[in-house]
């Protein structure tokens, strides 16, 4: 089950625009087959998305899907730098309830 951490650094004053784009499209992402978690977090100059997919096929379908294309089109102009996207495998450690998405 792949986990994705995507960090989006925004241009000054553009963070809320990026958040609005995610807010608009998140219901469609949550409805995608295999989406187990798609959560957006905001800091002063960045937005971070934490994702968990049932399997690689579900992540691949999301990555090639219309919803991600729409999100990218809506936020591209607001980016201060290229997206930092890391796809990882869970590494459980410590308390299982707290150490695993």
C-alpha atoms as a PDB file:
ATOM      1  CA  UNK A   1       0.000   0.000   0.000  1.00  0.00           C
ATOM      2  CA  UNK A   2       1.856   3.063  -1.222  1.00  0.00           C
ATOM      3  CA  UNK A   3       1.958   6.237   0.815  1.00  0.00           C
ATOM      4  CA  UNK A   4       2.501   9.552  -0.949  1.00  0.00           C
ATOM      5  CA  UNK A   5       3.785  12.752   0.630  1.00  0.00           C
ATOM      6  CA  UNK A   6       3.461  15.730  -1.724  1.00  0.00           C
ATOM      7  CA  UNK A   7       4.804  19.119  -0.651  1.00  0.00           C
ATOM      8  CA  UNK A   8       3.686  22.159  -2.579  1.00  0.00           C
ATOM      9  CA  UNK A   9       5.536  25.403  -1.911  1.00  0.00           C
ATOM     10  CA  UNK A  10       3.370  28.329  -2.870  1.00  0.00           C
ATOM     11  CA  UNK A  11       4.173  31.783  -4.132  1.00  0.00           C
ATOM     12  CA  UNK A  12       3.583  34.535  -1.572  1.00  0.00           C
ATOM     13  CA  UNK A  13      -0.123  35.148  -1.147  1.00  0.00           C
ATOM     14  CA  UNK A  14      -1.187  32.132  -3.230  1.00  0.00           C
ATOM     15  CA  UNK A  15      -1.577  29.425  -0.564  1.00  0.00           C
ATOM     16  CA  UNK A  16      -5.335  29.941  -0.176  1.00  0.00           C
ATOM     17  CA  UNK A  17      -5.794  29.576  -3.939  1.00  0.00           C
ATOM     18  CA  UNK A  18      -4.080  26.192  -3.788  1.00  0.00           C
ATOM     19  CA  UNK A  19      -6.170  25.129  -0.800  1.00  0.00           C
ATOM     20  CA  UNK A  20      -9.350  26.139  -2.645  1.00  0.00           C
ATOM     21  CA  UNK A  21      -8.351  23.952  -5.594  1.00  0.00           C
ATOM     22  CA  UNK A  22      -7.855  20.957  -3.311  1.00  0.00           C
ATOM     23  CA  UNK A  23     -11.115  21.647  -1.496  1.00  0.00           C
ATOM     24  CA  UNK A  24     -12.942  21.658  -4.828  1.00  0.00           C
ATOM     25  CA  UNK A  25     -11.438  18.382  -6.055  1.00  0.00           C
ATOM     26  CA  UNK A  26     -10.977  16.306  -2.882  1.00  0.00           C
ATOM     27  CA  UNK A  27     -14.470  14.759  -2.987  1.00  0.00           C
ATOM     28  CA  UNK A  28     -13.635  13.243  -6.384  1.00  0.00           C
ATOM     29  CA  UNK A  29     -10.292  11.930  -5.116  1.00  0.00           C
ATOM     30  CA  UNK A  30     -11.935  10.423  -2.032  1.00  0.00           C
ATOM     31  CA  UNK A  31     -14.383   8.621  -4.349  1.00  0.00           C
ATOM     32  CA  UNK A  32     -11.601   7.014  -6.408  1.00  0.00           C
ATOM     33  CA  UNK A  33     -11.191   3.254  -6.069  1.00  0.00           C
ATOM     34  CA  UNK A  34      -8.387   2.438  -3.664  1.00  0.00           C
ATOM     35  CA  UNK A  35      -8.155   5.841  -1.965  1.00  0.00           C
ATOM     36  CA  UNK A  36      -7.662   5.094   1.728  1.00  0.00           C
ATOM     37  CA  UNK A  37      -6.417   8.533   2.782  1.00  0.00           C
ATOM     38  CA  UNK A  38      -6.057  11.865   1.010  1.00  0.00           C
ATOM     39  CA  UNK A  39      -5.489  14.589   3.580  1.00  0.00           C
ATOM     40  CA  UNK A  40      -4.358  18.170   2.999  1.00  0.00           C
ATOM     41  CA  UNK A  41      -2.322  20.140   5.552  1.00  0.00           C
ATOM     42  CA  UNK A  42      -1.348  23.801   5.308  1.00  0.00           C
ATOM     43  CA  UNK A  43       1.562  25.858   6.590  1.00  0.00           C
ATOM     44  CA  UNK A  44       2.343  29.507   5.946  1.00  0.00           C
ATOM     45  CA  UNK A  45       4.132  28.896   2.636  1.00  0.00           C
ATOM     46  CA  UNK A  46       3.235  25.346   1.711  1.00  0.00           C
ATOM     47  CA  UNK A  47       0.547  22.740   1.374  1.00  0.00           C
ATOM     48  CA  UNK A  48       1.325  19.099   2.115  1.00  0.00           C
ATOM     49  CA  UNK A  49      -0.846  16.228   0.947  1.00  0.00           C
ATOM     50  CA  UNK A  50      -0.613  12.833   2.668  1.00  0.00           C
ATOM     51  CA  UNK A  51      -2.074   9.991   0.641  1.00  0.00           C
ATOM     52  CA  UNK A  52      -2.520   6.271   1.171  1.00  0.00           C
ATOM     53  CA  UNK A  53      -3.621   3.977  -1.646  1.00  0.00           C
ATOM     54  CA  UNK A  54      -4.775   0.369  -1.439  1.00  0.00           C
ATOM     55  CA  UNK A  55      -2.169  -0.715  -3.988  1.00  0.00           C
ATOM     56  CA  UNK A  56       0.072   0.540  -6.775  1.00  0.00           C
ATOM     57  CA  UNK A  57      -2.669   0.061  -9.376  1.00  0.00           C
ATOM     58  CA  UNK A  58      -4.948   2.455  -7.473  1.00  0.00           C
ATOM     59  CA  UNK A  59      -2.158   5.038  -7.214  1.00  0.00           C
ATOM     60  CA  UNK A  60      -1.370   4.628 -10.919  1.00  0.00           C
ATOM     61  CA  UNK A  61      -5.027   5.175 -11.820  1.00  0.00           C
ATOM     62  CA  UNK A  62      -5.148   8.296  -9.639  1.00  0.00           C
ATOM     63  CA  UNK A  63      -1.901   9.595 -11.137  1.00  0.00           C
ATOM     64  CA  UNK A  64      -3.274   9.246 -14.677  1.00  0.00           C
ATOM     65  CA  UNK A  65      -6.783  10.418 -13.840  1.00  0.00           C
ATOM     66  CA  UNK A  66      -8.711  13.523 -14.779  1.00  0.00           C
ATOM     67  CA  UNK A  67      -8.979  14.759 -11.196  1.00  0.00           C
ATOM     68  CA  UNK A  68      -5.223  15.025 -10.707  1.00  0.00           C
ATOM     69  CA  UNK A  69      -4.955  16.764 -14.089  1.00  0.00           C
ATOM     70  CA  UNK A  70      -7.574  19.287 -12.921  1.00  0.00           C
ATOM     71  CA  UNK A  71      -5.758  19.900  -9.626  1.00  0.00           C
ATOM     72  CA  UNK A  72      -2.455  20.413 -11.430  1.00  0.00           C
ATOM     73  CA  UNK A  73      -4.031  22.874 -13.875  1.00  0.00           C
ATOM     74  CA  UNK A  74      -5.557  24.850 -11.013  1.00  0.00           C
ATOM     75  CA  UNK A  75      -2.375  25.165  -8.931  1.00  0.00           C
ATOM     76  CA  UNK A  76       0.503  25.325 -11.420  1.00  0.00           C
ATOM     77  CA  UNK A  77       0.654  29.111 -11.597  1.00  0.00           C
ATOM     78  CA  UNK A  78       0.724  29.383  -7.795  1.00  0.00           C
ATOM     79  CA  UNK A  79       3.791  27.169  -7.330  1.00  0.00           C
ATOM     80  CA  UNK A  80       7.000  28.740  -6.030  1.00  0.00           C
ATOM     81  CA  UNK A  81       8.967  25.654  -7.117  1.00  0.00           C
ATOM     82  CA  UNK A  82       8.320  22.217  -8.603  1.00  0.00           C
ATOM     83  CA  UNK A  83       6.278  19.788  -6.529  1.00  0.00           C
ATOM     84  CA  UNK A  84       8.180  17.519  -4.163  1.00  0.00           C
ATOM     85  CA  UNK A  85       6.408  14.162  -4.397  1.00  0.00           C
ATOM     86  CA  UNK A  86       7.685  11.096  -2.553  1.00  0.00           C
ATOM     87  CA  UNK A  87       6.082   7.672  -2.949  1.00  0.00           C
ATOM     88  CA  UNK A  88       6.995   5.387  -0.062  1.00  0.00           C
ATOM     89  CA  UNK A  89       6.170   2.078   1.526  1.00  0.00           C
ATOM     90  CA  UNK A  90       5.030   2.078   5.152  1.00  0.00           C
ATOM     91  CA  UNK A  91       7.696   1.185   7.686  1.00  0.00           C
ATOM     92  CA  UNK A  92       5.838   0.321  10.906  1.00  0.00           C
ATOM     93  CA  UNK A  93       7.735   0.991  14.103  1.00  0.00           C
ATOM     94  CA  UNK A  94       6.749   1.474  17.719  1.00  0.00           C
ATOM     95  CA  UNK A  95       3.083   1.368  18.673  1.00  0.00           C
ATOM     96  CA  UNK A  96       1.258  -0.087  15.658  1.00  0.00           C
ATOM     97  CA  UNK A  97      -1.741   2.201  16.201  1.00  0.00           C
ATOM     98  CA  UNK A  98       0.496   5.292  16.131  1.00  0.00           C
ATOM     99  CA  UNK A  99       3.283   4.246  13.822  1.00  0.00           C
ATOM    100  CA  UNK A 100       1.385   3.242  10.690  1.00  0.00           C
ATOM    101  CA  UNK A 101      -0.969   5.172   8.430  1.00  0.00           C
END
